[in-house]
Amino acid sequence: MFFVSVNVFGVVLAKSYGQGESANFLVIAAGVLSGILLHDISLMAIISVTRKAMSRKVIKSLTMVAGVLLIGFAGYFIYEFIQAIKSYI
């Protein structure tokens, strides 16, 4: 989770800094970090409550669905990366 958060943070900051909004850079950075922190705390709270209410089979099924979704996102980002590289070739 930490690496995904850092990755999102870096992309948003790079775009905001690259668009000439250097005056708002710290505000945008604080907003992104606050959003990531709020998301992580909320997600941990939801997981801790629902884990007690679900069976092992349901947890395993949800984990597999999440894994497939992550692989799908990875495929999408690989595709976008290849398209970006093609524009330079």
PDB file of N, CA and C in Angstrom:
ATOM      1  N   MET A   1       0.826  -1.186   0.000  1.00  0.00           N
ATOM      2  CA  MET A   1       0.000   0.000   0.000  1.00  0.00           C
ATOM      3  C   MET A   1       0.872   1.253   0.000  1.00  0.00           C
ATOM      4  N   PHE A   2       1.950   1.205   0.721  1.00  0.00           N
ATOM      5  CA  PHE A   2       2.826   2.372   0.822  1.00  0.00           C
ATOM      6  C   PHE A   2       3.408   2.742  -0.529  1.00  0.00           C
ATOM      7  N   PHE A   3       3.836   1.729  -1.302  1.00  0.00           N
ATOM      8  CA  PHE A   3       4.463   2.016  -2.587  1.00  0.00           C
ATOM      9  C   PHE A   3       3.468   2.603  -3.572  1.00  0.00           C
ATOM     10  N   VAL A   4       2.222   2.141  -3.535  1.00  0.00           N
ATOM     11  CA  VAL A   4       1.195   2.698  -4.407  1.00  0.00           C
ATOM     12  C   VAL A   4       0.945   4.155  -4.038  1.00  0.00           C
ATOM     13  N   SER A   5       0.881   4.440  -2.749  1.00  0.00           N
ATOM     14  CA  SER A   5       0.646   5.806  -2.291  1.00  0.00           C
ATOM     15  C   SER A   5       1.775   6.723  -2.725  1.00  0.00           C
ATOM     16  N   VAL A   6       2.998   6.269  -2.582  1.00  0.00           N
ATOM     17  CA  VAL A   6       4.153   7.082  -2.982  1.00  0.00           C
ATOM     18  C   VAL A   6       4.132   7.303  -4.488  1.00  0.00           C
ATOM     19  N   ASN A   7       3.760   6.286  -5.246  1.00  0.00           N
ATOM     20  CA  ASN A   7       3.708   6.405  -6.693  1.00  0.00           C
ATOM     21  C   ASN A   7       2.674   7.442  -7.107  1.00  0.00           C
ATOM     22  N   VAL A   8       1.481   7.381  -6.536  1.00  0.00           N
ATOM     23  CA  VAL A   8       0.431   8.351  -6.849  1.00  0.00           C
ATOM     24  C   VAL A   8       0.892   9.751  -6.450  1.00  0.00           C
ATOM     25  N   PHE A   9       1.500   9.852  -5.305  1.00  0.00           N
ATOM     26  CA  PHE A   9       2.001  11.131  -4.812  1.00  0.00           C
ATOM     27  C   PHE A   9       2.998  11.732  -5.800  1.00  0.00           C
ATOM     28  N   GLY A  10       3.918  10.928  -6.270  1.00  0.00           N
ATOM     29  CA  GLY A  10       4.929  11.407  -7.206  1.00  0.00           C
ATOM     30  C   GLY A  10       4.338  11.864  -8.527  1.00  0.00           C
ATOM     31  N   VAL A  11       3.378  11.119  -9.047  1.00  0.00           N
ATOM     32  CA  VAL A  11       2.767  11.478 -10.328  1.00  0.00           C
ATOM     33  C   VAL A  11       2.003  12.791 -10.215  1.00  0.00           C
ATOM     34  N   VAL A  12       1.214  12.942  -9.166  1.00  0.00           N
ATOM     35  CA  VAL A  12       0.433  14.171  -8.995  1.00  0.00           C
ATOM     36  C   VAL A  12       1.354  15.372  -8.802  1.00  0.00           C
ATOM     37  N   LEU A  13       2.382  15.213  -7.991  1.00  0.00           N
ATOM     38  CA  LEU A  13       3.302  16.332  -7.765  1.00  0.00           C
ATOM     39  C   LEU A  13       4.066  16.700  -9.025  1.00  0.00           C
ATOM     40  N   ALA A  14       4.484  15.710  -9.775  1.00  0.00           N
ATOM     41  CA  ALA A  14       5.217  15.994 -11.013  1.00  0.00           C
ATOM     42  C   ALA A  14       4.338  16.755 -11.998  1.00  0.00           C
ATOM     43  N   LYS A  15       3.070  16.358 -12.106  1.00  0.00           N
ATOM     44  CA  LYS A  15       2.162  17.060 -13.017  1.00  0.00           C
ATOM     45  C   LYS A  15       1.895  18.486 -12.546  1.00  0.00           C
ATOM     46  N   SER A  16       1.677  18.660 -11.250  1.00  0.00           N
ATOM     47  CA  SER A  16       1.368  20.006 -10.756  1.00  0.00           C
ATOM     48  C   SER A  16       2.583  20.922 -10.879  1.00  0.00           C
ATOM     49  N   TYR A  17       3.755  20.392 -10.637  1.00  0.00           N
ATOM     50  CA  TYR A  17       4.961  21.217 -10.741  1.00  0.00           C
ATOM     51  C   TYR A  17       5.277  21.521 -12.201  1.00  0.00           C
ATOM     52  N   GLY A  18       5.019  20.558 -13.066  1.00  0.00           N
ATOM     53  CA  GLY A  18       5.294  20.736 -14.485  1.00  0.00           C
ATOM     54  C   GLY A  18       4.349  21.707 -15.163  1.00  0.00           C
ATOM     55  N   GLN A  19       3.179  21.947 -14.578  1.00  0.00           N
ATOM     56  CA  GLN A  19       2.208  22.854 -15.176  1.00  0.00           C
ATOM     57  C   GLN A  19       2.420  24.292 -14.715  1.00  0.00           C
ATOM     58  N   GLY A  20       3.511  24.560 -14.044  1.00  0.00           N
ATOM     59  CA  GLY A  20       3.834  25.917 -13.652  1.00  0.00           C
ATOM     60  C   GLY A  20       3.130  26.399 -12.403  1.00  0.00           C
ATOM     61  N   GLU A  21       2.593  25.503 -11.621  1.00  0.00           N
ATOM     62  CA  GLU A  21       1.891  25.874 -10.399  1.00  0.00           C
ATOM     63  C   GLU A  21       2.806  25.722  -9.191  1.00  0.00           C
ATOM     64  N   SER A  22       4.006  26.221  -9.279  1.00  0.00           N
ATOM     65  CA  SER A  22       4.963  26.032  -8.196  1.00  0.00           C
ATOM     66  C   SER A  22       4.548  26.756  -6.911  1.00  0.00           C
ATOM     67  N   ALA A  23       3.731  27.799  -7.024  1.00  0.00           N
ATOM     68  CA  ALA A  23       3.266  28.507  -5.826  1.00  0.00           C
ATOM     69  C   ALA A  23       2.321  27.632  -5.003  1.00  0.00           C
ATOM     70  N   ASN A  24       1.564  26.804  -5.677  1.00  0.00           N
ATOM     71  CA  ASN A  24       0.606  25.929  -4.995  1.00  0.00           C
ATOM     72  C   ASN A  24       1.177  24.543  -4.703  1.00  0.00           C
ATOM     73  N   PHE A  25       2.433  24.365  -4.973  1.00  0.00           N
ATOM     74  CA  PHE A  25       3.063  23.044  -4.849  1.00  0.00           C
ATOM     75  C   PHE A  25       2.898  22.449  -3.448  1.00  0.00           C
ATOM     76  N   LEU A  26       3.171  23.211  -2.403  1.00  0.00           N
ATOM     77  CA  LEU A  26       3.060  22.704  -1.030  1.00  0.00           C
ATOM     78  C   LEU A  26       1.621  22.413  -0.644  1.00  0.00           C
ATOM     79  N   VAL A  27       0.698  23.232  -1.116  1.00  0.00           N
ATOM     80  CA  VAL A  27      -0.721  22.998  -0.832  1.00  0.00           C
ATOM     81  C   VAL A  27      -1.184  21.695  -1.490  1.00  0.00           C
ATOM     82  N   ILE A  28      -0.777  21.499  -2.732  1.00  0.00           N
ATOM     83  CA  ILE A  28      -1.146  20.276  -3.440  1.00  0.00           C
ATOM     84  C   ILE A  28      -0.503  19.067  -2.769  1.00  0.00           C
ATOM     85  N   ALA A  29       0.754  19.167  -2.380  1.00  0.00           N
ATOM     86  CA  ALA A  29       1.441  18.060  -1.706  1.00  0.00           C
ATOM     87  C   ALA A  29       0.746  17.711  -0.391  1.00  0.00           C
ATOM     88  N   ALA A  30       0.387  18.716   0.397  1.00  0.00           N
ATOM     89  CA  ALA A  30      -0.308  18.467   1.672  1.00  0.00           C
ATOM     90  C   ALA A  30      -1.668  17.841   1.429  1.00  0.00           C
ATOM     91  N   GLY A  31      -2.370  18.287   0.406  1.00  0.00           N
ATOM     92  CA  GLY A  31      -3.680  17.715   0.084  1.00  0.00           C
ATOM     93  C   GLY A  31      -3.587  16.254  -0.335  1.00  0.00           C
ATOM     94  N   VAL A  32      -2.606  15.947  -1.171  1.00  0.00           N
ATOM     95  CA  VAL A  32      -2.433  14.566  -1.623  1.00  0.00           C
ATOM     96  C   VAL A  32      -2.061  13.664  -0.443  1.00  0.00           C
ATOM     97  N   LEU A  33      -1.121  14.102   0.385  1.00  0.00           N
ATOM     98  CA  LEU A  33      -0.728  13.292   1.544  1.00  0.00           C
ATOM     99  C   LEU A  33      -1.882  13.115   2.532  1.00  0.00           C
ATOM    100  N   SER A  34      -2.677  14.152   2.742  1.00  0.00           N
ATOM    101  CA  SER A  34      -3.836  14.039   3.636  1.00  0.00           C
ATOM    102  C   SER A  34      -4.860  13.055   3.082  1.00  0.00           C
ATOM    103  N   GLY A  35      -5.088  13.119   1.780  1.00  0.00           N
ATOM    104  CA  GLY A  35      -6.021  12.193   1.146  1.00  0.00           C
ATOM    105  C   GLY A  35      -5.560  10.758   1.238  1.00  0.00           C
ATOM    106  N   ILE A  36      -4.270  10.529   1.019  1.00  0.00           N
ATOM    107  CA  ILE A  36      -3.723   9.174   1.125  1.00  0.00           C
ATOM    108  C   ILE A  36      -3.851   8.659   2.555  1.00  0.00           C
ATOM    109  N   LEU A  37      -3.538   9.509   3.525  1.00  0.00           N
ATOM    110  CA  LEU A  37      -3.644   9.117   4.930  1.00  0.00           C
ATOM    111  C   LEU A  37      -5.086   8.789   5.304  1.00  0.00           C
ATOM    112  N   LEU A  38      -6.026   9.622   4.898  1.00  0.00           N
ATOM    113  CA  LEU A  38      -7.439   9.379   5.186  1.00  0.00           C
ATOM    114  C   LEU A  38      -7.912   8.088   4.535  1.00  0.00           C
ATOM    115  N   HIS A  39      -7.508   7.853   3.302  1.00  0.00           N
ATOM    116  CA  HIS A  39      -7.882   6.628   2.598  1.00  0.00           C
ATOM    117  C   HIS A  39      -7.330   5.397   3.308  1.00  0.00           C
ATOM    118  N   ASP A  40      -6.062   5.428   3.680  1.00  0.00           N
ATOM    119  CA  ASP A  40      -5.443   4.277   4.337  1.00  0.00           C
ATOM    120  C   ASP A  40      -6.084   3.971   5.687  1.00  0.00           C
ATOM    121  N   ILE A  41      -6.352   5.002   6.484  1.00  0.00           N
ATOM    122  CA  ILE A  41      -6.975   4.787   7.788  1.00  0.00           C
ATOM    123  C   ILE A  41      -8.396   4.238   7.620  1.00  0.00           C
ATOM    124  N   SER A  42      -9.141   4.797   6.681  1.00  0.00           N
ATOM    125  CA  SER A  42     -10.500   4.307   6.436  1.00  0.00           C
ATOM    126  C   SER A  42     -10.487   2.860   5.959  1.00  0.00           C
ATOM    127  N   LEU A  43      -9.583   2.536   5.064  1.00  0.00           N
ATOM    128  CA  LEU A  43      -9.495   1.176   4.549  1.00  0.00           C
ATOM    129  C   LEU A  43      -9.129   0.193   5.649  1.00  0.00           C
ATOM    130  N   MET A  44      -8.188   0.569   6.517  1.00  0.00           N
ATOM    131  CA  MET A  44      -7.819  -0.320   7.630  1.00  0.00           C
ATOM    132  C   MET A  44      -8.983  -0.522   8.587  1.00  0.00           C
ATOM    133  N   ALA A  45      -9.761   0.518   8.839  1.00  0.00           N
ATOM    134  CA  ALA A  45     -10.919   0.390   9.729  1.00  0.00           C
ATOM    135  C   ALA A  45     -11.971  -0.542   9.133  1.00  0.00           C
ATOM    136  N   ILE A  46     -12.243  -0.387   7.850  1.00  0.00           N
ATOM    137  CA  ILE A  46     -13.226  -1.246   7.187  1.00  0.00           C
ATOM    138  C   ILE A  46     -12.762  -2.699   7.200  1.00  0.00           C
ATOM    139  N   ILE A  47     -11.503  -2.925   6.915  1.00  0.00           N
ATOM    140  CA  ILE A  47     -10.973  -4.283   6.885  1.00  0.00           C
ATOM    141  C   ILE A  47     -11.027  -4.922   8.261  1.00  0.00           C
ATOM    142  N   SER A  48     -10.680  -4.178   9.293  1.00  0.00           N
ATOM    143  CA  SER A  48     -10.672  -4.770  10.636  1.00  0.00           C
ATOM    144  C   SER A  48     -12.078  -5.141  11.097  1.00  0.00           C
ATOM    145  N   VAL A  49     -13.079  -4.374  10.694  1.00  0.00           N
ATOM    146  CA  VAL A  49     -14.457  -4.685  11.090  1.00  0.00           C
ATOM    147  C   VAL A  49     -15.012  -5.839  10.264  1.00  0.00           C
ATOM    148  N   THR A  50     -14.825  -5.798   8.944  1.00  0.00           N
ATOM    149  CA  THR A  50     -15.431  -6.824   8.093  1.00  0.00           C
ATOM    150  C   THR A  50     -14.707  -8.159   8.172  1.00  0.00           C
ATOM    151  N   ARG A  51     -13.458  -8.161   8.530  1.00  0.00           N
ATOM    152  CA  ARG A  51     -12.722  -9.424   8.634  1.00  0.00           C
ATOM    153  C   ARG A  51     -13.342 -10.342   9.689  1.00  0.00           C
ATOM    154  N   LYS A  52     -13.853  -9.762  10.744  1.00  0.00           N
ATOM    155  CA  LYS A  52     -14.474 -10.537  11.813  1.00  0.00           C
ATOM    156  C   LYS A  52     -15.819 -11.119  11.375  1.00  0.00           C
ATOM    157  N   ALA A  53     -16.475 -10.471  10.406  1.00  0.00           N
ATOM    158  CA  ALA A  53     -17.812 -10.890   9.984  1.00  0.00           C
ATOM    159  C   ALA A  53     -17.795 -11.858   8.807  1.00  0.00           C
ATOM    160  N   MET A  54     -16.652 -12.029   8.136  1.00  0.00           N
ATOM    161  CA  MET A  54     -16.597 -12.870   6.940  1.00  0.00           C
ATOM    162  C   MET A  54     -15.905 -14.198   7.216  1.00  0.00           C
ATOM    163  N   SER A  55     -16.315 -15.192   6.439  1.00  0.00           N
ATOM    164  CA  SER A  55     -15.677 -16.509   6.544  1.00  0.00           C
ATOM    165  C   SER A  55     -14.383 -16.509   5.743  1.00  0.00           C
ATOM    166  N   ARG A  56     -13.576 -17.540   5.961  1.00  0.00           N
ATOM    167  CA  ARG A  56     -12.307 -17.646   5.236  1.00  0.00           C
ATOM    168  C   ARG A  56     -12.534 -17.777   3.734  1.00  0.00           C
ATOM    169  N   LYS A  57     -13.603 -18.469   3.348  1.00  0.00           N
ATOM    170  CA  LYS A  57     -13.884 -18.667   1.935  1.00  0.00           C
ATOM    171  C   LYS A  57     -14.201 -17.332   1.241  1.00  0.00           C
ATOM    172  N   VAL A  58     -14.974 -16.492   1.902  1.00  0.00           N
ATOM    173  CA  VAL A  58     -15.318 -15.192   1.329  1.00  0.00           C
ATOM    174  C   VAL A  58     -14.072 -14.314   1.223  1.00  0.00           C
ATOM    175  N   ILE A  59     -13.245 -14.336   2.259  1.00  0.00           N
ATOM    176  CA  ILE A  59     -12.011 -13.549   2.233  1.00  0.00           C
ATOM    177  C   ILE A  59     -11.105 -14.010   1.097  1.00  0.00           C
ATOM    178  N   LYS A  60     -11.003 -15.325   0.917  1.00  0.00           N
ATOM    179  CA  LYS A  60     -10.172 -15.857  -0.158  1.00  0.00           C
ATOM    180  C   LYS A  60     -10.714 -15.441  -1.519  1.00  0.00           C
ATOM    181  N   SER A  61     -12.027 -15.486  -1.694  1.00  0.00           N
ATOM    182  CA  SER A  61     -12.638 -15.082  -2.966  1.00  0.00           C
ATOM    183  C   SER A  61     -12.400 -13.606  -3.253  1.00  0.00           C
ATOM    184  N   LEU A  62     -12.584 -12.774  -2.253  1.00  0.00           N
ATOM    185  CA  LEU A  62     -12.351 -11.343  -2.436  1.00  0.00           C
ATOM    186  C   LEU A  62     -10.886 -11.049  -2.749  1.00  0.00           C
ATOM    187  N   THR A  63      -9.990 -11.784  -2.122  1.00  0.00           N
ATOM    188  CA  THR A  63      -8.565 -11.604  -2.391  1.00  0.00           C
ATOM    189  C   THR A  63      -8.239 -11.964  -3.831  1.00  0.00           C
ATOM    190  N   MET A  64      -8.841 -13.024  -4.337  1.00  0.00           N
ATOM    191  CA  MET A  64      -8.597 -13.423  -5.723  1.00  0.00           C
ATOM    192  C   MET A  64      -9.156 -12.392  -6.697  1.00  0.00           C
ATOM    193  N   VAL A  65     -10.334 -11.858  -6.417  1.00  0.00           N
ATOM    194  CA  VAL A  65     -10.914 -10.827  -7.283  1.00  0.00           C
ATOM    195  C   VAL A  65     -10.020  -9.584  -7.271  1.00  0.00           C
ATOM    196  N   ALA A  66      -9.541  -9.200  -6.091  1.00  0.00           N
ATOM    197  CA  ALA A  66      -8.653  -8.045  -5.992  1.00  0.00           C
ATOM    198  C   ALA A  66      -7.370  -8.280  -6.781  1.00  0.00           C
ATOM    199  N   GLY A  67      -6.844  -9.494  -6.736  1.00  0.00           N
ATOM    200  CA  GLY A  67      -5.637  -9.823  -7.499  1.00  0.00           C
ATOM    201  C   GLY A  67      -5.855  -9.700  -8.993  1.00  0.00           C
ATOM    202  N   VAL A  68      -6.992 -10.162  -9.468  1.00  0.00           N
ATOM    203  CA  VAL A  68      -7.311 -10.046 -10.897  1.00  0.00           C
ATOM    204  C   VAL A  68      -7.440  -8.576 -11.297  1.00  0.00           C
ATOM    205  N   LEU A  69      -8.083  -7.787 -10.447  1.00  0.00           N
ATOM    206  CA  LEU A  69      -8.206  -6.353 -10.730  1.00  0.00           C
ATOM    207  C   LEU A  69      -6.839  -5.670 -10.780  1.00  0.00           C
ATOM    208  N   LEU A  70      -5.952  -6.032  -9.863  1.00  0.00           N
ATOM    209  CA  LEU A  70      -4.609  -5.451  -9.873  1.00  0.00           C
ATOM    210  C   LEU A  70      -3.845  -5.826 -11.140  1.00  0.00           C
ATOM    211  N   ILE A  71      -4.003  -7.062 -11.573  1.00  0.00           N
ATOM    212  CA  ILE A  71      -3.355  -7.490 -12.819  1.00  0.00           C
ATOM    213  C   ILE A  71      -3.929  -6.701 -13.999  1.00  0.00           C
ATOM    214  N   GLY A  72      -5.246  -6.455 -13.976  1.00  0.00           N
ATOM    215  CA  GLY A  72      -5.864  -5.640 -15.026  1.00  0.00           C
ATOM    216  C   GLY A  72      -5.316  -4.228 -15.052  1.00  0.00           C
ATOM    217  N   PHE A  73      -5.182  -3.605 -13.876  1.00  0.00           N
ATOM    218  CA  PHE A  73      -4.604  -2.264 -13.808  1.00  0.00           C
ATOM    219  C   PHE A  73      -3.161  -2.275 -14.298  1.00  0.00           C
ATOM    220  N   ALA A  74      -2.416  -3.294 -13.933  1.00  0.00           N
ATOM    221  CA  ALA A  74      -1.027  -3.385 -14.397  1.00  0.00           C
ATOM    222  C   ALA A  74      -0.978  -3.467 -15.915  1.00  0.00           C
ATOM    223  N   GLY A  75      -1.863  -4.265 -16.496  1.00  0.00           N
ATOM    224  CA  GLY A  75      -1.924  -4.369 -17.949  1.00  0.00           C
ATOM    225  C   GLY A  75      -2.247  -3.043 -18.612  1.00  0.00           C
ATOM    226  N   TYR A  76      -3.176  -2.310 -18.021  1.00  0.00           N
ATOM    227  CA  TYR A  76      -3.534  -0.996 -18.553  1.00  0.00           C
ATOM    228  C   TYR A  76      -2.343  -0.038 -18.517  1.00  0.00           C
ATOM    229  N   PHE A  77      -1.638  -0.003 -17.385  1.00  0.00           N
ATOM    230  CA  PHE A  77      -0.507   0.909 -17.274  1.00  0.00           C
ATOM    231  C   PHE A  77       0.652   0.490 -18.173  1.00  0.00           C
ATOM    232  N   ILE A  78       0.828  -0.795 -18.377  1.00  0.00           N
ATOM    233  CA  ILE A  78       1.844  -1.259 -19.324  1.00  0.00           C
ATOM    234  C   ILE A  78       1.478  -0.813 -20.737  1.00  0.00           C
ATOM    235  N   TYR A  79       0.198  -0.946 -21.079  1.00  0.00           N
ATOM    236  CA  TYR A  79      -0.274  -0.491 -22.393  1.00  0.00           C
ATOM    237  C   TYR A  79      -0.025   1.005 -22.569  1.00  0.00           C
ATOM    238  N   GLU A  80      -0.376   1.801 -21.559  1.00  0.00           N
ATOM    239  CA  GLU A  80      -0.162   3.252 -21.636  1.00  0.00           C
ATOM    240  C   GLU A  80       1.328   3.585 -21.751  1.00  0.00           C
ATOM    241  N   PHE A  81       2.158   2.834 -21.039  1.00  0.00           N
ATOM    242  CA  PHE A  81       3.600   3.043 -21.114  1.00  0.00           C
ATOM    243  C   PHE A  81       4.111   2.772 -22.526  1.00  0.00           C
ATOM    244  N   ILE A  82       3.658   1.686 -23.119  1.00  0.00           N
ATOM    245  CA  ILE A  82       4.083   1.329 -24.478  1.00  0.00           C
ATOM    246  C   ILE A  82       3.625   2.400 -25.469  1.00  0.00           C
ATOM    247  N   GLN A  83       2.399   2.900 -25.293  1.00  0.00           N
ATOM    248  CA  GLN A  83       1.900   3.944 -26.189  1.00  0.00           C
ATOM    249  C   GLN A  83       2.735   5.219 -26.049  1.00  0.00           C
ATOM    250  N   ALA A  84       3.126   5.562 -24.826  1.00  0.00           N
ATOM    251  CA  ALA A  84       3.948   6.742 -24.609  1.00  0.00           C
ATOM    252  C   ALA A  84       5.327   6.584 -25.230  1.00  0.00           C
ATOM    253  N   ILE A  85       5.894   5.387 -25.125  1.00  0.00           N
ATOM    254  CA  ILE A  85       7.209   5.110 -25.722  1.00  0.00           C
ATOM    255  C   ILE A  85       7.130   5.201 -27.248  1.00  0.00           C
ATOM    256  N   LYS A  86       6.035   4.715 -27.817  1.00  0.00           N
ATOM    257  CA  LYS A  86       5.888   4.754 -29.276  1.00  0.00           C
ATOM    258  C   LYS A  86       5.880   6.183 -29.797  1.00  0.00           C
ATOM    259  N   SER A  87       5.384   7.107 -29.008  1.00  0.00           N
ATOM    260  CA  SER A  87       5.334   8.494 -29.480  1.00  0.00           C
ATOM    261  C   SER A  87       6.742   9.103 -29.597  1.00  0.00           C
ATOM    262  N   TYR A  88       7.716   8.549 -28.873  1.00  0.00           N
ATOM    263  CA  TYR A  88       9.080   9.037 -28.955  1.00  0.00           C
ATOM    264  C   TYR A  88       9.908   8.337 -30.022  1.00  0.00           C
ATOM    265  N   ILE A  89       9.419   7.247 -30.517  1.00  0.00           N
ATOM    266  CA  ILE A  89      10.181   6.468 -31.516  1.00  0.00           C
ATOM    267  C   ILE A  89       9.857   6.924 -32.914  1.00  0.00           C
TER     268      ILE A  89
END
